[in-house]
Amino acid sequence: MRHLMMLSMMCLWTILTMAQRFTLEKVNDTLSYLVLTTDSTTDRHRLPFEVYQFCTGDVDGDGSEDALVGVVKTTRFDPVMARRLFIFKNHRGHIRALWMGSRLGGILRDFCFVDGRVRTLQTTTDGHYVVLEHEWRKFGLGARRFLAANVSQEAALSVFNYSSE
């Protein structure tokens, strides 16, 4: 029994320490591949869209890095060509969608991952800029707080690009 328990703990340790890395391979302006490399596998996910941003971070707080990919496309719920944020995770060595955002409120301009949260730079329909901090909620991103609201582009960029790390 003790041997079985030690073996189980070793297997758990192996799973928790398995290295993983997301990268993005750009083929052309409208085709990229999200690539997940682990100690023992490589998985590729085709992204047949323009990609304007890519970063990684533990979005959902499970201890594993997720991939945040900004794409330009229409969606079923928003037929306008616009910037979107998609989040992918490693599920047993395979790339799986965690969240495929149609909209985050305003007009998405950019995003980054800072201090464990997703930060977005958005514009309003009247041309003002907003910087929002988002956190993972049971299914999807929810606005946590405004870092800047109804400001100029210059002011918004200064807040957006600030990192306390």
N, C-alpha and C. Protein backbone atom coordinates (compact mmCIF):
# COMPACT_ATOMS: atom_id res chain seq x y z
N MET A 1 0.83 -1.19 0.00
CA MET A 1 0.00 0.00 0.00
C MET A 1 0.88 1.26 0.00
N ARG A 2 1.92 1.27 0.84
CA ARG A 2 2.81 2.41 0.91
C ARG A 2 3.52 2.62 -0.43
N HIS A 3 3.92 1.52 -1.06
CA HIS A 3 4.58 1.59 -2.36
C HIS A 3 3.64 2.21 -3.40
N LEU A 4 2.38 1.82 -3.38
CA LEU A 4 1.38 2.35 -4.31
C LEU A 4 1.18 3.85 -4.09
N MET A 5 1.16 4.28 -2.84
CA MET A 5 0.99 5.68 -2.53
C MET A 5 2.19 6.49 -3.02
N MET A 6 3.39 5.97 -2.83
CA MET A 6 4.59 6.67 -3.30
C MET A 6 4.61 6.76 -4.81
N LEU A 7 4.19 5.69 -5.49
CA LEU A 7 4.13 5.68 -6.94
C LEU A 7 3.12 6.72 -7.43
N SER A 8 1.98 6.81 -6.78
CA SER A 8 0.96 7.81 -7.15
C SER A 8 1.50 9.21 -6.98
N MET A 9 2.22 9.45 -5.89
CA MET A 9 2.78 10.78 -5.65
C MET A 9 3.84 11.12 -6.69
N MET A 10 4.63 10.14 -7.10
CA MET A 10 5.64 10.37 -8.13
C MET A 10 4.99 10.71 -9.46
N CYS A 11 3.91 10.02 -9.80
CA CYS A 11 3.19 10.29 -11.05
C CYS A 11 2.60 11.70 -11.02
N LEU A 12 2.03 12.10 -9.88
CA LEU A 12 1.47 13.43 -9.75
C LEU A 12 2.57 14.48 -9.90
N TRP A 13 3.72 14.26 -9.29
CA TRP A 13 4.84 15.18 -9.39
C TRP A 13 5.29 15.31 -10.84
N THR A 14 5.33 14.20 -11.55
CA THR A 14 5.72 14.20 -12.96
C THR A 14 4.75 15.03 -13.79
N ILE A 15 3.46 14.88 -13.54
CA ILE A 15 2.46 15.63 -14.29
C ILE A 15 2.59 17.12 -13.99
N LEU A 16 2.78 17.47 -12.71
CA LEU A 16 2.85 18.87 -12.32
C LEU A 16 4.12 19.56 -12.82
N THR A 17 5.19 18.81 -13.04
CA THR A 17 6.45 19.43 -13.45
C THR A 17 6.71 19.30 -14.95
N MET A 18 5.78 18.77 -15.70
CA MET A 18 5.97 18.62 -17.14
C MET A 18 6.10 20.00 -17.78
N ALA A 19 7.16 20.21 -18.51
CA ALA A 19 7.38 21.50 -19.16
C ALA A 19 6.46 21.64 -20.36
N GLN A 20 6.01 22.86 -20.57
CA GLN A 20 5.19 23.14 -21.75
C GLN A 20 5.52 24.53 -22.25
N ARG A 21 5.29 24.73 -23.55
CA ARG A 21 5.57 26.02 -24.14
C ARG A 21 4.67 26.24 -25.34
N PHE A 22 3.98 27.38 -25.35
CA PHE A 22 3.20 27.79 -26.52
C PHE A 22 4.04 28.74 -27.35
N THR A 23 4.02 28.54 -28.67
CA THR A 23 4.66 29.47 -29.60
C THR A 23 3.70 29.71 -30.76
N LEU A 24 3.99 30.72 -31.55
CA LEU A 24 3.17 31.03 -32.71
C LEU A 24 4.05 30.99 -33.95
N GLU A 25 3.64 30.21 -34.95
CA GLU A 25 4.34 30.15 -36.23
C GLU A 25 3.49 30.86 -37.28
N LYS A 26 4.02 31.94 -37.83
CA LYS A 26 3.29 32.69 -38.85
C LYS A 26 3.70 32.18 -40.23
N VAL A 27 2.72 31.75 -41.02
CA VAL A 27 2.97 31.27 -42.38
C VAL A 27 2.84 32.43 -43.36
N ASN A 28 1.76 33.20 -43.23
CA ASN A 28 1.56 34.41 -44.03
C ASN A 28 0.61 35.34 -43.26
N ASP A 29 0.14 36.39 -43.90
CA ASP A 29 -0.69 37.38 -43.20
C ASP A 29 -1.98 36.79 -42.63
N THR A 30 -2.50 35.75 -43.25
CA THR A 30 -3.79 35.20 -42.80
C THR A 30 -3.72 33.73 -42.40
N LEU A 31 -2.53 33.24 -42.10
CA LEU A 31 -2.41 31.86 -41.63
C LEU A 31 -1.26 31.75 -40.65
N SER A 32 -1.59 31.30 -39.45
CA SER A 32 -0.59 31.03 -38.42
C SER A 32 -0.94 29.71 -37.75
N TYR A 33 0.03 29.15 -37.03
CA TYR A 33 -0.21 27.95 -36.23
C TYR A 33 0.19 28.24 -34.80
N LEU A 34 -0.71 27.92 -33.88
CA LEU A 34 -0.38 27.92 -32.46
C LEU A 34 0.23 26.57 -32.18
N VAL A 35 1.42 26.55 -31.58
CA VAL A 35 2.15 25.30 -31.35
C VAL A 35 2.35 25.12 -29.85
N LEU A 36 1.98 23.94 -29.37
CA LEU A 36 2.20 23.56 -27.98
C LEU A 36 3.25 22.46 -27.96
N THR A 37 4.35 22.72 -27.25
CA THR A 37 5.41 21.73 -27.11
C THR A 37 5.52 21.36 -25.64
N THR A 38 5.44 20.07 -25.35
CA THR A 38 5.65 19.57 -23.99
C THR A 38 6.89 18.69 -24.01
N ASP A 39 7.19 18.07 -22.87
CA ASP A 39 8.35 17.17 -22.80
C ASP A 39 8.23 16.01 -23.79
N SER A 40 6.99 15.61 -24.08
CA SER A 40 6.82 14.40 -24.89
C SER A 40 5.95 14.58 -26.14
N THR A 41 5.30 15.75 -26.31
CA THR A 41 4.40 15.91 -27.44
C THR A 41 4.55 17.28 -28.09
N THR A 42 4.06 17.38 -29.31
CA THR A 42 3.90 18.66 -30.00
C THR A 42 2.53 18.64 -30.66
N ASP A 43 1.76 19.70 -30.44
CA ASP A 43 0.44 19.81 -31.05
C ASP A 43 0.37 21.16 -31.77
N ARG A 44 -0.31 21.18 -32.91
CA ARG A 44 -0.46 22.40 -33.70
C ARG A 44 -1.93 22.68 -33.92
N HIS A 45 -2.29 23.97 -33.81
CA HIS A 45 -3.66 24.40 -34.04
C HIS A 45 -3.65 25.48 -35.12
N ARG A 46 -4.38 25.23 -36.19
CA ARG A 46 -4.41 26.14 -37.34
C ARG A 46 -5.24 27.38 -37.00
N LEU A 47 -4.70 28.54 -37.30
CA LEU A 47 -5.39 29.82 -37.11
C LEU A 47 -5.46 30.52 -38.47
N PRO A 48 -6.56 30.31 -39.22
CA PRO A 48 -6.66 30.89 -40.57
C PRO A 48 -7.15 32.34 -40.56
N PHE A 49 -6.51 33.17 -39.72
CA PHE A 49 -6.89 34.57 -39.57
C PHE A 49 -5.62 35.41 -39.42
N GLU A 50 -5.77 36.71 -39.60
CA GLU A 50 -4.68 37.61 -39.27
C GLU A 50 -4.49 37.58 -37.75
N VAL A 51 -3.27 37.40 -37.30
CA VAL A 51 -2.96 37.43 -35.86
C VAL A 51 -2.25 38.74 -35.57
N TYR A 52 -2.80 39.53 -34.65
CA TYR A 52 -2.20 40.82 -34.32
C TYR A 52 -1.48 40.83 -32.98
N GLN A 53 -1.68 39.81 -32.14
CA GLN A 53 -1.04 39.78 -30.83
C GLN A 53 -0.96 38.34 -30.32
N PHE A 54 0.09 38.06 -29.55
CA PHE A 54 0.26 36.75 -28.95
C PHE A 54 1.04 36.90 -27.65
N CYS A 55 0.55 36.28 -26.59
CA CYS A 55 1.29 36.24 -25.34
C CYS A 55 0.81 35.02 -24.54
N THR A 56 1.46 34.73 -23.44
CA THR A 56 1.07 33.60 -22.61
C THR A 56 0.97 34.05 -21.16
N GLY A 57 0.20 33.28 -20.39
CA GLY A 57 0.05 33.53 -18.96
C GLY A 57 -0.98 32.58 -18.40
N ASP A 58 -0.98 32.41 -17.11
CA ASP A 58 -1.94 31.52 -16.46
C ASP A 58 -3.24 32.27 -16.23
N VAL A 59 -4.09 32.30 -17.24
CA VAL A 59 -5.33 33.08 -17.22
C VAL A 59 -6.32 32.53 -16.20
N ASP A 60 -6.51 31.21 -16.17
CA ASP A 60 -7.56 30.63 -15.32
C ASP A 60 -7.08 30.18 -13.94
N GLY A 61 -5.81 30.44 -13.63
CA GLY A 61 -5.30 30.17 -12.30
C GLY A 61 -5.10 28.70 -11.95
N ASP A 62 -4.94 27.85 -12.97
CA ASP A 62 -4.77 26.40 -12.70
C ASP A 62 -3.29 26.01 -12.59
N GLY A 63 -2.38 26.98 -12.66
CA GLY A 63 -0.96 26.69 -12.55
C GLY A 63 -0.28 26.36 -13.86
N SER A 64 -1.01 26.41 -14.96
CA SER A 64 -0.49 26.07 -16.27
C SER A 64 -0.62 27.28 -17.21
N GLU A 65 0.42 27.51 -18.01
CA GLU A 65 0.38 28.64 -18.94
C GLU A 65 -0.68 28.42 -20.01
N ASP A 66 -1.40 29.48 -20.33
CA ASP A 66 -2.38 29.48 -21.40
C ASP A 66 -1.86 30.39 -22.51
N ALA A 67 -2.38 30.24 -23.71
CA ALA A 67 -1.99 31.08 -24.84
C ALA A 67 -3.11 32.07 -25.12
N LEU A 68 -2.77 33.34 -25.22
CA LEU A 68 -3.70 34.40 -25.57
C LEU A 68 -3.36 34.84 -26.98
N VAL A 69 -4.32 34.71 -27.89
CA VAL A 69 -4.08 35.00 -29.30
C VAL A 69 -5.10 36.03 -29.78
N GLY A 70 -4.60 37.12 -30.33
CA GLY A 70 -5.47 38.14 -30.90
C GLY A 70 -5.62 37.90 -32.39
N VAL A 71 -6.86 37.73 -32.84
CA VAL A 71 -7.13 37.48 -34.26
C VAL A 71 -8.10 38.53 -34.80
N VAL A 72 -8.08 38.73 -36.11
CA VAL A 72 -9.01 39.63 -36.76
C VAL A 72 -9.97 38.76 -37.57
N LYS A 73 -11.26 38.81 -37.18
CA LYS A 73 -12.25 37.98 -37.87
C LYS A 73 -13.65 38.40 -37.49
N THR A 74 -14.61 37.88 -38.19
CA THR A 74 -16.02 38.03 -37.81
C THR A 74 -16.38 36.86 -36.90
N THR A 75 -17.51 36.96 -36.22
CA THR A 75 -18.00 35.83 -35.43
C THR A 75 -19.49 35.66 -35.71
N ARG A 76 -20.01 34.56 -35.27
CA ARG A 76 -21.44 34.29 -35.45
C ARG A 76 -22.28 35.36 -34.75
N PHE A 77 -21.79 35.87 -33.61
CA PHE A 77 -22.55 36.83 -32.82
C PHE A 77 -22.21 38.28 -33.16
N ASP A 78 -21.15 38.50 -33.92
CA ASP A 78 -20.74 39.85 -34.32
C ASP A 78 -20.15 39.77 -35.72
N PRO A 79 -20.97 40.05 -36.75
CA PRO A 79 -20.53 39.87 -38.14
C PRO A 79 -19.56 40.93 -38.66
N VAL A 80 -19.16 41.87 -37.83
CA VAL A 80 -18.21 42.90 -38.24
C VAL A 80 -16.79 42.37 -38.09
N MET A 81 -15.95 42.60 -39.10
CA MET A 81 -14.54 42.22 -39.02
C MET A 81 -13.89 43.07 -37.93
N ALA A 82 -13.36 42.41 -36.90
CA ALA A 82 -12.80 43.14 -35.76
C ALA A 82 -11.75 42.30 -35.04
N ARG A 83 -11.03 42.94 -34.15
CA ARG A 83 -10.04 42.25 -33.33
C ARG A 83 -10.75 41.46 -32.22
N ARG A 84 -10.33 40.22 -32.06
CA ARG A 84 -10.91 39.32 -31.05
C ARG A 84 -9.78 38.76 -30.19
N LEU A 85 -10.15 38.26 -29.02
CA LEU A 85 -9.20 37.61 -28.13
C LEU A 85 -9.63 36.16 -27.93
N PHE A 86 -8.74 35.24 -28.28
CA PHE A 86 -8.98 33.81 -28.06
C PHE A 86 -7.97 33.32 -27.03
N ILE A 87 -8.41 32.44 -26.15
CA ILE A 87 -7.52 31.87 -25.13
C ILE A 87 -7.54 30.36 -25.27
N PHE A 88 -6.34 29.77 -25.31
CA PHE A 88 -6.19 28.32 -25.47
C PHE A 88 -5.43 27.75 -24.28
N LYS A 89 -5.68 26.48 -23.99
CA LYS A 89 -4.99 25.81 -22.89
C LYS A 89 -4.43 24.48 -23.34
N ASN A 90 -3.56 23.93 -22.52
CA ASN A 90 -2.99 22.60 -22.73
C ASN A 90 -3.89 21.60 -22.01
N HIS A 91 -4.51 20.72 -22.77
CA HIS A 91 -5.32 19.65 -22.18
C HIS A 91 -4.68 18.32 -22.56
N ARG A 92 -3.89 17.77 -21.65
CA ARG A 92 -3.21 16.49 -21.86
C ARG A 92 -2.36 16.47 -23.12
N GLY A 93 -1.64 17.58 -23.34
CA GLY A 93 -0.74 17.65 -24.49
C GLY A 93 -1.38 18.11 -25.77
N HIS A 94 -2.66 18.49 -25.72
CA HIS A 94 -3.37 18.97 -26.91
C HIS A 94 -3.89 20.38 -26.67
N ILE A 95 -3.90 21.18 -27.71
CA ILE A 95 -4.40 22.55 -27.63
C ILE A 95 -5.92 22.50 -27.65
N ARG A 96 -6.53 23.14 -26.67
CA ARG A 96 -7.99 23.22 -26.57
C ARG A 96 -8.40 24.66 -26.30
N ALA A 97 -9.49 25.08 -26.90
CA ALA A 97 -10.00 26.43 -26.67
C ALA A 97 -10.49 26.54 -25.22
N LEU A 98 -10.05 27.57 -24.54
CA LEU A 98 -10.54 27.87 -23.21
C LEU A 98 -11.64 28.92 -23.31
N TRP A 99 -11.43 29.91 -24.19
CA TRP A 99 -12.42 30.99 -24.36
C TRP A 99 -12.21 31.63 -25.72
N MET A 100 -13.29 31.82 -26.46
CA MET A 100 -13.23 32.43 -27.79
C MET A 100 -14.11 33.68 -27.75
N GLY A 101 -13.52 34.81 -27.37
CA GLY A 101 -14.30 36.02 -27.13
C GLY A 101 -14.77 36.71 -28.40
N SER A 102 -16.06 37.01 -28.45
CA SER A 102 -16.60 37.81 -29.54
C SER A 102 -16.35 39.28 -29.28
N ARG A 103 -16.63 39.71 -28.04
CA ARG A 103 -16.44 41.11 -27.65
C ARG A 103 -16.11 41.19 -26.18
N LEU A 104 -15.45 42.27 -25.81
CA LEU A 104 -15.14 42.52 -24.40
C LEU A 104 -15.80 43.80 -23.91
N GLY A 105 -16.66 44.38 -24.67
CA GLY A 105 -17.34 45.61 -24.29
C GLY A 105 -17.12 46.70 -25.32
N GLY A 106 -15.92 47.28 -25.31
CA GLY A 106 -15.59 48.32 -26.27
C GLY A 106 -14.98 47.73 -27.53
N ILE A 107 -14.32 48.57 -28.29
CA ILE A 107 -13.65 48.14 -29.51
C ILE A 107 -12.22 47.77 -29.13
N LEU A 108 -11.89 46.50 -29.22
CA LEU A 108 -10.60 45.99 -28.78
C LEU A 108 -9.49 46.47 -29.70
N ARG A 109 -8.46 47.07 -29.11
CA ARG A 109 -7.30 47.54 -29.85
C ARG A 109 -6.07 46.67 -29.58
N ASP A 110 -5.89 46.26 -28.30
CA ASP A 110 -4.73 45.46 -27.94
C ASP A 110 -4.99 44.81 -26.59
N PHE A 111 -4.13 43.86 -26.22
CA PHE A 111 -4.22 43.22 -24.92
C PHE A 111 -2.84 42.75 -24.51
N CYS A 112 -2.69 42.48 -23.22
CA CYS A 112 -1.47 41.89 -22.69
C CYS A 112 -1.83 41.17 -21.40
N PHE A 113 -0.88 40.42 -20.87
CA PHE A 113 -1.08 39.69 -19.62
C PHE A 113 -0.11 40.26 -18.60
N VAL A 114 -0.66 40.88 -17.56
CA VAL A 114 0.16 41.58 -16.56
C VAL A 114 -0.34 41.22 -15.16
N ASP A 115 0.58 40.85 -14.29
CA ASP A 115 0.26 40.59 -12.88
C ASP A 115 -0.89 39.59 -12.71
N GLY A 116 -0.91 38.56 -13.56
CA GLY A 116 -1.93 37.51 -13.43
C GLY A 116 -3.29 37.86 -13.99
N ARG A 117 -3.37 38.96 -14.74
CA ARG A 117 -4.66 39.36 -15.30
C ARG A 117 -4.50 39.81 -16.76
N VAL A 118 -5.60 39.76 -17.49
CA VAL A 118 -5.61 40.22 -18.87
C VAL A 118 -5.94 41.71 -18.85
N ARG A 119 -5.09 42.49 -19.51
CA ARG A 119 -5.29 43.94 -19.62
C ARG A 119 -5.65 44.24 -21.06
N THR A 120 -6.71 45.04 -21.26
CA THR A 120 -7.11 45.39 -22.62
C THR A 120 -7.08 46.90 -22.83
N LEU A 121 -6.73 47.27 -24.05
CA LEU A 121 -6.81 48.64 -24.52
C LEU A 121 -7.98 48.67 -25.49
N GLN A 122 -8.97 49.50 -25.19
CA GLN A 122 -10.17 49.55 -26.02
C GLN A 122 -10.52 51.00 -26.33
N THR A 123 -11.29 51.18 -27.40
CA THR A 123 -11.84 52.51 -27.69
C THR A 123 -13.35 52.43 -27.58
N THR A 124 -13.93 53.59 -27.32
CA THR A 124 -15.40 53.69 -27.26
C THR A 124 -15.88 54.18 -28.62
N THR A 125 -17.17 54.13 -28.83
CA THR A 125 -17.72 54.56 -30.12
C THR A 125 -17.52 56.06 -30.35
N ASP A 126 -17.27 56.84 -29.29
CA ASP A 126 -17.03 58.27 -29.46
C ASP A 126 -15.54 58.62 -29.52
N GLY A 127 -14.67 57.59 -29.63
CA GLY A 127 -13.25 57.83 -29.86
C GLY A 127 -12.38 57.95 -28.63
N HIS A 128 -12.94 57.80 -27.43
CA HIS A 128 -12.13 57.83 -26.22
C HIS A 128 -11.49 56.47 -25.99
N TYR A 129 -10.48 56.46 -25.14
CA TYR A 129 -9.77 55.22 -24.84
C TYR A 129 -10.07 54.75 -23.42
N VAL A 130 -10.04 53.42 -23.26
CA VAL A 130 -10.30 52.78 -21.98
C VAL A 130 -9.26 51.69 -21.79
N VAL A 131 -8.74 51.55 -20.58
CA VAL A 131 -7.87 50.43 -20.24
C VAL A 131 -8.57 49.67 -19.13
N LEU A 132 -8.83 48.39 -19.39
CA LEU A 132 -9.55 47.55 -18.44
C LEU A 132 -8.70 46.37 -18.01
N GLU A 133 -8.87 45.98 -16.78
CA GLU A 133 -8.22 44.79 -16.26
C GLU A 133 -9.31 43.72 -16.11
N HIS A 134 -9.03 42.53 -16.65
CA HIS A 134 -10.00 41.43 -16.63
C HIS A 134 -9.46 40.27 -15.81
N GLU A 135 -10.36 39.52 -15.21
CA GLU A 135 -9.98 38.32 -14.48
C GLU A 135 -10.84 37.16 -14.95
N TRP A 136 -10.32 35.96 -14.74
CA TRP A 136 -11.05 34.76 -15.14
C TRP A 136 -12.21 34.53 -14.17
N ARG A 137 -13.38 34.31 -14.75
CA ARG A 137 -14.56 33.94 -13.98
C ARG A 137 -15.00 32.60 -14.53
N LYS A 138 -15.70 31.84 -13.82
CA LYS A 138 -16.03 30.44 -14.14
C LYS A 138 -15.99 30.09 -15.63
N PHE A 139 -16.58 30.92 -16.47
CA PHE A 139 -16.48 30.69 -17.91
C PHE A 139 -16.27 32.02 -18.60
N GLY A 140 -15.05 32.38 -18.80
CA GLY A 140 -14.73 33.57 -19.56
C GLY A 140 -14.13 34.68 -18.73
N LEU A 141 -13.81 35.75 -19.41
CA LEU A 141 -13.21 36.90 -18.76
C LEU A 141 -14.30 37.85 -18.28
N GLY A 142 -14.09 38.41 -17.11
CA GLY A 142 -14.99 39.43 -16.58
C GLY A 142 -14.18 40.67 -16.24
N ALA A 143 -14.78 41.83 -16.44
CA ALA A 143 -14.09 43.07 -16.11
C ALA A 143 -13.88 43.14 -14.60
N ARG A 144 -12.65 43.43 -14.20
CA ARG A 144 -12.32 43.55 -12.78
C ARG A 144 -12.34 45.01 -12.35
N ARG A 145 -11.63 45.86 -13.15
CA ARG A 145 -11.61 47.28 -12.83
C ARG A 145 -11.08 48.08 -14.02
N PHE A 146 -11.49 49.35 -14.05
CA PHE A 146 -10.96 50.29 -15.03
C PHE A 146 -9.63 50.81 -14.52
N LEU A 147 -8.60 50.77 -15.38
CA LEU A 147 -7.33 51.39 -15.05
C LEU A 147 -7.28 52.81 -15.61
N ALA A 148 -8.07 53.05 -16.66
CA ALA A 148 -8.24 54.38 -17.25
C ALA A 148 -9.54 54.37 -18.02
N ALA A 149 -10.26 55.49 -18.00
CA ALA A 149 -11.54 55.56 -18.72
C ALA A 149 -11.71 56.94 -19.34
N ASN A 150 -12.19 56.95 -20.57
CA ASN A 150 -12.46 58.19 -21.30
C ASN A 150 -11.25 59.12 -21.33
N VAL A 151 -10.11 58.56 -21.75
CA VAL A 151 -8.87 59.33 -21.81
C VAL A 151 -8.35 59.36 -23.24
N SER A 152 -7.31 60.15 -23.45
CA SER A 152 -6.68 60.23 -24.76
C SER A 152 -5.90 58.94 -25.04
N GLN A 153 -5.52 58.77 -26.29
CA GLN A 153 -4.73 57.60 -26.67
C GLN A 153 -3.40 57.60 -25.93
N GLU A 154 -2.76 58.75 -25.83
CA GLU A 154 -1.47 58.84 -25.15
C GLU A 154 -1.58 58.43 -23.67
N ALA A 155 -2.59 58.93 -23.00
CA ALA A 155 -2.79 58.58 -21.58
C ALA A 155 -3.11 57.10 -21.42
N ALA A 156 -3.93 56.58 -22.31
CA ALA A 156 -4.31 55.16 -22.23
C ALA A 156 -3.09 54.27 -22.47
N LEU A 157 -2.27 54.62 -23.45
CA LEU A 157 -1.08 53.82 -23.74
C LEU A 157 -0.09 53.83 -22.58
N SER A 158 0.01 54.95 -21.89
CA SER A 158 0.91 55.01 -20.76
C SER A 158 0.45 54.08 -19.64
N VAL A 159 -0.86 53.97 -19.43
CA VAL A 159 -1.40 53.05 -18.42
C VAL A 159 -1.31 51.61 -18.92
N PHE A 160 -1.68 51.39 -20.17
CA PHE A 160 -1.67 50.05 -20.76
C PHE A 160 -0.29 49.41 -20.72
N ASN A 161 0.73 50.21 -21.04
CA ASN A 161 2.10 49.68 -21.11
C ASN A 161 2.80 49.61 -19.78
N TYR A 162 2.16 50.11 -18.70
CA TYR A 162 2.78 50.06 -17.38
C TYR A 162 2.66 48.67 -16.80
N SER A 163 3.77 48.16 -16.27
CA SER A 163 3.77 46.85 -15.60
C SER A 163 4.42 47.02 -14.25
N SER A 164 3.77 46.47 -13.22
CA SER A 164 4.35 46.57 -11.86
C SER A 164 5.36 45.48 -11.62
N GLU A 165 5.61 44.61 -12.61
CA GLU A 165 6.57 43.52 -12.42
C GLU A 165 7.99 44.02 -12.49
